[in-house]
Amino acid sequence: MNKLPQVGEGAWRLDRHAHVVVYEAEDGGELLTVYDCGAAQKPPSAQVVGRLARTDAAHERLSQPTGYIVKLEDGGVLRERDDGYVIDPR
């Protein structure tokens, strides 16, 4: 399931105020679930298995018992890299 707008090879646009929920598995893997807006009562726009290597876009990070939430301020671009996914500013 990936309903994010693609902006290039292995790159997707994240909306302003998007939330990326990162679930951490015991084996070191991660599941990234992308919501267009944390306040909207909508299903996620995407789920990908992989590691969130870093976030360079303006954000707030909240720790959770099963991982953490990255709350983007101005959106960004989710890019697939060799070492995992990164979130760049637009």
C-alpha atoms as a PDB file:
ATOM      1  CA  MET A   1       0.000   0.000   0.000  1.00  0.00           C
ATOM      2  CA  ASN A   2       1.604   3.209  -1.148  1.00  0.00           C
ATOM      3  CA  LYS A   3      -0.609   6.154  -2.047  1.00  0.00           C
ATOM      4  CA  LEU A   4       2.116   8.798  -1.698  1.00  0.00           C
ATOM      5  CA  PRO A   5       2.789  10.995  -4.749  1.00  0.00           C
ATOM      6  CA  GLN A   6       6.042   9.904  -6.380  1.00  0.00           C
ATOM      7  CA  VAL A   7       8.491  12.727  -7.117  1.00  0.00           C
ATOM      8  CA  GLY A   8      11.311  10.659  -8.599  1.00  0.00           C
ATOM      9  CA  GLU A   9      12.916   7.240  -8.567  1.00  0.00           C
ATOM     10  CA  GLY A  10      12.545   5.959  -4.994  1.00  0.00           C
ATOM     11  CA  ALA A  11      11.231   9.320  -3.708  1.00  0.00           C
ATOM     12  CA  TRP A  12       7.775  10.309  -2.438  1.00  0.00           C
ATOM     13  CA  ARG A  13       6.297  13.610  -1.297  1.00  0.00           C
ATOM     14  CA  LEU A  14       5.166  13.893   2.330  1.00  0.00           C
ATOM     15  CA  ASP A  15       2.461  16.435   3.105  1.00  0.00           C
ATOM     16  CA  ARG A  16       2.790  19.321   5.507  1.00  0.00           C
ATOM     17  CA  HIS A  17       2.102  17.985   9.022  1.00  0.00           C
ATOM     18  CA  ALA A  18       2.594  14.357   7.927  1.00  0.00           C
ATOM     19  CA  HIS A  19       3.323  11.858  10.690  1.00  0.00           C
ATOM     20  CA  VAL A  20       5.681   8.938  10.183  1.00  0.00           C
ATOM     21  CA  VAL A  21       5.142   6.280  12.844  1.00  0.00           C
ATOM     22  CA  VAL A  22       8.193   4.041  13.230  1.00  0.00           C
ATOM     23  CA  TYR A  23       7.589   0.670  14.858  1.00  0.00           C
ATOM     24  CA  GLU A  24      10.810  -0.957  16.041  1.00  0.00           C
ATOM     25  CA  ALA A  25      11.036  -4.770  15.913  1.00  0.00           C
ATOM     26  CA  GLU A  26      13.147  -6.836  18.310  1.00  0.00           C
ATOM     27  CA  ASP A  27      15.294  -8.050  15.398  1.00  0.00           C
ATOM     28  CA  GLY A  28      16.334  -4.456  14.596  1.00  0.00           C
ATOM     29  CA  GLY A  29      13.947  -4.011  11.672  1.00  0.00           C
ATOM     30  CA  GLU A  30      11.425  -1.210  11.408  1.00  0.00           C
ATOM     31  CA  LEU A  31       7.996  -0.619   9.893  1.00  0.00           C
ATOM     32  CA  LEU A  32       7.278   2.929   8.727  1.00  0.00           C
ATOM     33  CA  THR A  33       3.633   3.989   8.558  1.00  0.00           C
ATOM     34  CA  VAL A  34       2.909   7.357   6.912  1.00  0.00           C
ATOM     35  CA  TYR A  35      -0.174   9.420   7.751  1.00  0.00           C
ATOM     36  CA  ASP A  36      -0.928  12.570   5.704  1.00  0.00           C
ATOM     37  CA  CYS A  37      -1.911  14.444   8.866  1.00  0.00           C
ATOM     38  CA  GLY A  38      -1.885  13.341  12.459  1.00  0.00           C
ATOM     39  CA  ALA A  39      -5.195  15.111  13.148  1.00  0.00           C
ATOM     40  CA  ALA A  40      -7.060  13.535  10.225  1.00  0.00           C
ATOM     41  CA  GLN A  41      -9.047  10.404  10.924  1.00  0.00           C
ATOM     42  CA  LYS A  42      -7.880   8.645   7.755  1.00  0.00           C
ATOM     43  CA  PRO A  43      -6.092   5.369   7.119  1.00  0.00           C
ATOM     44  CA  PRO A  44      -2.341   5.549   6.461  1.00  0.00           C
ATOM     45  CA  SER A  45      -1.096   6.637   3.047  1.00  0.00           C
ATOM     46  CA  ALA A  46       1.792   4.170   3.029  1.00  0.00           C
ATOM     47  CA  GLN A  47       3.525   1.412   4.950  1.00  0.00           C
ATOM     48  CA  VAL A  48       7.073   0.339   4.151  1.00  0.00           C
ATOM     49  CA  VAL A  49       9.439  -2.107   5.773  1.00  0.00           C
ATOM     50  CA  GLY A  50      12.857  -0.578   6.256  1.00  0.00           C
ATOM     51  CA  ARG A  51      14.909   1.608   8.539  1.00  0.00           C
ATOM     52  CA  LEU A  52      14.499   5.356   8.931  1.00  0.00           C
ATOM     53  CA  ALA A  53      18.149   6.357   8.771  1.00  0.00           C
ATOM     54  CA  ARG A  54      17.644  10.079   9.446  1.00  0.00           C
ATOM     55  CA  THR A  55      15.291  13.035   9.178  1.00  0.00           C
ATOM     56  CA  ASP A  56      16.695  16.290   7.819  1.00  0.00           C
ATOM     57  CA  ALA A  57      13.309  18.036   7.375  1.00  0.00           C
ATOM     58  CA  ALA A  58      11.994  20.196  10.230  1.00  0.00           C
ATOM     59  CA  HIS A  59      10.260  17.853  12.659  1.00  0.00           C
ATOM     60  CA  GLU A  60       9.412  16.887  16.212  1.00  0.00           C
ATOM     61  CA  ARG A  61      10.204  13.373  17.442  1.00  0.00           C
ATOM     62  CA  LEU A  62       8.040  11.726  20.104  1.00  0.00           C
ATOM     63  CA  SER A  63       9.066   8.484  21.795  1.00  0.00           C
ATOM     64  CA  GLN A  64       6.484   5.715  22.071  1.00  0.00           C
ATOM     65  CA  PRO A  65       6.621   2.288  23.770  1.00  0.00           C
ATOM     66  CA  THR A  66       6.900   0.527  20.400  1.00  0.00           C
ATOM     67  CA  GLY A  67       9.092   3.067  18.599  1.00  0.00           C
ATOM     68  CA  TYR A  68       8.630   6.750  17.825  1.00  0.00           C
ATOM     69  CA  ILE A  69       6.650   9.288  15.792  1.00  0.00           C
ATOM     70  CA  VAL A  70       8.216  11.848  13.457  1.00  0.00           C
ATOM     71  CA  LYS A  71       5.864  14.845  13.139  1.00  0.00           C
ATOM     72  CA  LEU A  72       6.853  16.911  10.112  1.00  0.00           C
ATOM     73  CA  GLU A  73       6.325  20.660  10.237  1.00  0.00           C
ATOM     74  CA  ASP A  74       6.520  21.589   6.540  1.00  0.00           C
ATOM     75  CA  GLY A  75       6.397  18.222   4.814  1.00  0.00           C
ATOM     76  CA  GLY A  76       9.317  16.693   3.008  1.00  0.00           C
ATOM     77  CA  VAL A  77      10.468  13.974   0.653  1.00  0.00           C
ATOM     78  CA  LEU A  78      10.860  10.346   1.721  1.00  0.00           C
ATOM     79  CA  ARG A  79      13.830   8.886  -0.176  1.00  0.00           C
ATOM     80  CA  GLU A  80      14.964   5.295  -0.362  1.00  0.00           C
ATOM     81  CA  ARG A  81      18.731   4.960   0.117  1.00  0.00           C
ATOM     82  CA  ASP A  82      21.138   2.054   0.533  1.00  0.00           C
ATOM     83  CA  ASP A  83      21.292   2.555   4.308  1.00  0.00           C
ATOM     84  CA  GLY A  84      17.512   2.994   4.724  1.00  0.00           C
ATOM     85  CA  TYR A  85      15.008   5.783   4.227  1.00  0.00           C
ATOM     86  CA  VAL A  86      15.687   9.470   4.807  1.00  0.00           C
ATOM     87  CA  ILE A  87      13.286  12.395   5.045  1.00  0.00           C
ATOM     88  CA  ASP A  88      14.653  15.462   3.261  1.00  0.00           C
ATOM     89  CA  PRO A  89      13.171  18.956   3.217  1.00  0.00           C
ATOM     90  CA  ARG A  90      11.161  19.768   0.097  1.00  0.00           C
END
